N, C-alpha and C. Protein backbone atom coordinates (compact mmCIF):
# COMPACT_ATOMS: atom_id res chain seq x y z
N MET A 1 111.53 208.11 158.91
CA MET A 1 110.23 208.38 158.33
C MET A 1 109.29 208.86 159.43
N LYS A 2 108.54 209.91 159.13
CA LYS A 2 107.57 210.43 160.09
C LYS A 2 106.38 209.49 160.17
N VAL A 3 105.70 209.52 161.31
CA VAL A 3 104.56 208.63 161.55
C VAL A 3 103.49 208.83 160.48
N GLY A 4 103.15 210.08 160.18
CA GLY A 4 102.13 210.34 159.16
C GLY A 4 102.49 209.78 157.80
N GLU A 5 103.75 209.92 157.43
CA GLU A 5 104.21 209.37 156.14
C GLU A 5 104.09 207.86 156.14
N PHE A 6 104.46 207.22 157.25
CA PHE A 6 104.35 205.77 157.36
C PHE A 6 102.89 205.33 157.20
N LEU A 7 101.99 206.01 157.90
CA LEU A 7 100.57 205.64 157.84
C LEU A 7 100.04 205.79 156.42
N LEU A 8 100.45 206.85 155.74
CA LEU A 8 100.02 207.08 154.36
C LEU A 8 100.59 206.03 153.42
N GLU A 9 101.88 205.78 153.50
CA GLU A 9 102.54 204.82 152.61
C GLU A 9 102.01 203.40 152.78
N ASN A 10 101.52 203.08 153.97
CA ASN A 10 101.01 201.73 154.23
C ASN A 10 99.50 201.64 154.10
N GLY A 11 98.89 202.68 153.55
CA GLY A 11 97.46 202.64 153.26
C GLY A 11 96.56 202.71 154.48
N LEU A 12 97.10 203.14 155.62
CA LEU A 12 96.30 203.21 156.83
C LEU A 12 95.49 204.50 156.91
N ILE A 13 95.95 205.53 156.20
CA ILE A 13 95.22 206.79 156.05
C ILE A 13 95.38 207.25 154.61
N ASN A 14 94.55 208.18 154.20
CA ASN A 14 94.72 208.74 152.86
C ASN A 14 95.34 210.13 152.96
N SER A 15 95.70 210.70 151.84
CA SER A 15 96.40 211.99 151.85
C SER A 15 95.53 213.12 152.39
N ASP A 16 94.22 213.05 152.15
CA ASP A 16 93.33 214.08 152.69
C ASP A 16 93.30 214.04 154.22
N GLN A 17 93.27 212.83 154.77
CA GLN A 17 93.27 212.68 156.23
C GLN A 17 94.58 213.20 156.83
N LEU A 18 95.69 212.88 156.18
CA LEU A 18 96.98 213.36 156.67
C LEU A 18 97.06 214.88 156.58
N ASP A 19 96.63 215.43 155.46
CA ASP A 19 96.67 216.89 155.30
C ASP A 19 95.83 217.58 156.37
N GLU A 20 94.63 217.06 156.62
CA GLU A 20 93.76 217.65 157.64
C GLU A 20 94.39 217.56 159.03
N ALA A 21 94.96 216.39 159.34
CA ALA A 21 95.60 216.20 160.65
C ALA A 21 96.79 217.14 160.81
N LEU A 22 97.56 217.33 159.76
CA LEU A 22 98.71 218.22 159.84
C LEU A 22 98.28 219.68 160.01
N LEU A 23 97.18 220.07 159.36
CA LEU A 23 96.65 221.42 159.56
C LEU A 23 96.20 221.62 161.00
N LEU A 24 95.52 220.63 161.55
CA LEU A 24 95.09 220.71 162.95
C LEU A 24 96.28 220.76 163.88
N GLN A 25 97.34 220.04 163.53
CA GLN A 25 98.53 220.03 164.37
C GLN A 25 99.23 221.38 164.36
N LYS A 26 99.16 222.10 163.24
CA LYS A 26 99.75 223.44 163.19
C LYS A 26 99.10 224.37 164.21
N ASP A 27 97.78 224.23 164.37
CA ASP A 27 97.05 225.04 165.34
C ASP A 27 97.24 224.54 166.77
N ASN A 28 97.64 223.28 166.91
CA ASN A 28 97.80 222.64 168.22
C ASN A 28 99.13 221.89 168.26
N PRO A 29 100.26 222.60 168.27
CA PRO A 29 101.56 221.93 168.12
C PRO A 29 101.91 220.96 169.26
N ASP A 30 101.21 221.02 170.38
CA ASP A 30 101.49 220.09 171.46
C ASP A 30 100.83 218.73 171.25
N ARG A 31 99.93 218.64 170.29
CA ARG A 31 99.24 217.37 170.02
C ARG A 31 100.01 216.57 168.99
N VAL A 32 100.10 215.27 169.23
CA VAL A 32 100.80 214.39 168.29
C VAL A 32 99.82 213.94 167.21
N ILE A 33 100.36 213.55 166.08
CA ILE A 33 99.53 213.22 164.92
C ILE A 33 98.58 212.06 165.21
N GLY A 34 99.02 211.07 165.96
CA GLY A 34 98.15 209.95 166.30
C GLY A 34 96.95 210.38 167.11
N GLU A 35 97.17 211.24 168.07
CA GLU A 35 96.07 211.75 168.90
C GLU A 35 95.06 212.50 168.03
N ILE A 36 95.56 213.28 167.10
CA ILE A 36 94.69 214.03 166.21
C ILE A 36 93.87 213.09 165.34
N LEU A 37 94.50 212.06 164.81
CA LEU A 37 93.78 211.10 163.96
C LEU A 37 92.70 210.36 164.74
N VAL A 38 92.94 210.08 166.01
CA VAL A 38 91.91 209.45 166.85
C VAL A 38 90.77 210.44 167.06
N THR A 39 91.10 211.69 167.35
CA THR A 39 90.08 212.72 167.56
C THR A 39 89.24 212.91 166.30
N MET A 40 89.88 212.81 165.14
CA MET A 40 89.17 212.96 163.86
C MET A 40 88.28 211.75 163.56
N GLY A 41 88.47 210.65 164.28
CA GLY A 41 87.69 209.44 164.03
C GLY A 41 88.29 208.53 162.98
N VAL A 42 89.52 208.83 162.56
CA VAL A 42 90.19 208.01 161.56
C VAL A 42 90.59 206.67 162.17
N PHE A 43 91.06 206.70 163.41
CA PHE A 43 91.46 205.51 164.14
C PHE A 43 90.74 205.46 165.47
N SER A 44 90.49 204.25 165.95
CA SER A 44 90.13 204.08 167.35
C SER A 44 91.46 204.05 168.11
N LYS A 45 91.39 204.14 169.41
CA LYS A 45 92.61 204.08 170.22
C LYS A 45 93.35 202.76 169.96
N GLU A 46 92.61 201.67 169.88
CA GLU A 46 93.22 200.36 169.65
C GLU A 46 93.87 200.27 168.28
N GLU A 47 93.21 200.84 167.27
CA GLU A 47 93.79 200.84 165.92
C GLU A 47 95.06 201.68 165.88
N LEU A 48 95.07 202.79 166.61
CA LEU A 48 96.27 203.62 166.66
C LEU A 48 97.42 202.85 167.31
N ILE A 49 97.14 202.13 168.36
CA ILE A 49 98.18 201.33 169.03
C ILE A 49 98.76 200.31 168.05
N MET A 50 97.89 199.63 167.31
CA MET A 50 98.38 198.65 166.33
C MET A 50 99.21 199.33 165.24
N ALA A 51 98.75 200.49 164.77
CA ALA A 51 99.49 201.22 163.74
C ALA A 51 100.85 201.66 164.26
N MET A 52 100.90 202.13 165.52
CA MET A 52 102.17 202.54 166.11
C MET A 52 103.10 201.35 166.28
N GLU A 53 102.55 200.21 166.64
CA GLU A 53 103.38 199.00 166.75
C GLU A 53 103.97 198.63 165.39
N MET A 54 103.14 198.73 164.33
CA MET A 54 103.63 198.47 162.97
C MET A 54 104.77 199.43 162.63
N TYR A 55 104.57 200.70 162.95
CA TYR A 55 105.58 201.72 162.68
C TYR A 55 106.88 201.38 163.41
N MET A 56 106.76 201.02 164.67
CA MET A 56 107.95 200.74 165.46
C MET A 56 108.68 199.50 164.97
N VAL A 57 107.93 198.47 164.59
CA VAL A 57 108.56 197.27 164.06
C VAL A 57 109.32 197.61 162.78
N SER A 58 108.70 198.40 161.91
CA SER A 58 109.33 198.72 160.63
C SER A 58 110.55 199.63 160.79
N THR A 59 110.61 200.39 161.89
CA THR A 59 111.74 201.28 162.11
C THR A 59 112.76 200.72 163.10
N GLY A 60 112.52 199.49 163.59
CA GLY A 60 113.47 198.87 164.51
C GLY A 60 113.38 199.39 165.92
N PHE A 61 112.26 200.00 166.29
CA PHE A 61 112.07 200.54 167.63
C PHE A 61 111.95 199.41 168.63
N ASP A 62 112.45 199.60 169.84
CA ASP A 62 112.40 198.59 170.89
C ASP A 62 110.97 198.46 171.41
N LEU A 63 110.36 197.29 171.24
CA LEU A 63 108.98 197.07 171.62
C LEU A 63 108.82 196.48 173.02
N ASN A 64 109.89 196.33 173.77
CA ASN A 64 109.81 195.65 175.06
C ASN A 64 108.91 196.35 176.06
N PHE A 65 108.72 197.65 175.93
CA PHE A 65 107.96 198.37 176.94
C PHE A 65 106.48 198.54 176.57
N ILE A 66 106.05 198.03 175.42
CA ILE A 66 104.67 198.25 174.97
C ILE A 66 103.71 197.32 175.69
N ASP A 67 102.62 197.89 176.15
CA ASP A 67 101.53 197.16 176.78
C ASP A 67 100.32 197.33 175.88
N GLU A 68 99.54 196.27 175.66
CA GLU A 68 98.42 196.39 174.74
C GLU A 68 97.31 197.30 175.26
N TRP A 69 97.36 197.71 176.52
CA TRP A 69 96.32 198.57 177.08
C TRP A 69 96.86 199.97 177.37
N LEU A 70 97.53 200.57 176.43
CA LEU A 70 98.08 201.91 176.59
C LEU A 70 96.96 202.94 176.74
N ASP A 71 97.17 203.92 177.63
CA ASP A 71 96.23 205.03 177.69
C ASP A 71 96.81 206.19 176.87
N GLN A 72 96.07 207.29 176.77
CA GLN A 72 96.50 208.39 175.91
C GLN A 72 97.85 208.96 176.32
N ASP A 73 98.10 209.07 177.63
CA ASP A 73 99.39 209.56 178.09
C ASP A 73 100.52 208.65 177.62
N GLU A 74 100.27 207.36 177.66
CA GLU A 74 101.30 206.41 177.21
C GLU A 74 101.50 206.49 175.70
N ILE A 75 100.43 206.69 174.96
CA ILE A 75 100.55 206.86 173.50
C ILE A 75 101.38 208.11 173.20
N ASP A 76 101.10 209.19 173.94
CA ASP A 76 101.87 210.42 173.74
C ASP A 76 103.35 210.19 174.07
N LEU A 77 103.62 209.48 175.16
CA LEU A 77 104.99 209.18 175.53
C LEU A 77 105.67 208.34 174.46
N LEU A 78 104.94 207.38 173.93
CA LEU A 78 105.45 206.53 172.87
C LEU A 78 105.80 207.35 171.64
N SER A 79 104.94 208.27 171.27
CA SER A 79 105.21 209.14 170.13
C SER A 79 106.43 210.01 170.37
N GLU A 80 106.57 210.53 171.59
CA GLU A 80 107.74 211.34 171.92
C GLU A 80 109.01 210.52 171.80
N LYS A 81 108.98 209.27 172.27
CA LYS A 81 110.17 208.41 172.16
C LYS A 81 110.53 208.16 170.70
N ILE A 82 109.51 207.95 169.87
CA ILE A 82 109.75 207.74 168.45
C ILE A 82 110.41 208.98 167.85
N ASN A 83 109.86 210.15 168.18
CA ASN A 83 110.42 211.39 167.65
C ASN A 83 111.87 211.59 168.10
N LYS A 84 112.18 211.25 169.34
CA LYS A 84 113.54 211.39 169.84
C LYS A 84 114.50 210.44 169.12
N GLN A 85 114.02 209.22 168.82
CA GLN A 85 114.88 208.27 168.12
C GLN A 85 115.20 208.72 166.71
N LYS A 86 114.29 209.49 166.10
CA LYS A 86 114.50 209.95 164.72
C LYS A 86 115.54 211.05 164.65
N MET A 87 115.83 211.72 165.79
CA MET A 87 116.77 212.84 165.79
C MET A 87 118.20 212.36 165.78
């Protein structure tokens, strides 16, 4: 399951927010959906971290490397790892 779909299915975002974020991502393919949602003001950085932790727990992702004080580079790395695991 993609991160955006997970956030939508769990009521963390609505379909309009997801659609807008996906449109922005088309114009900026190097940006991950979580970063876009933070930029849009849908999530704070801390809320995004909690949402990503929920996503990882639900998908069986290894949480051993997560630190509660992740910076944006670490969030991006985390998203990349999630994407690689889905392949």
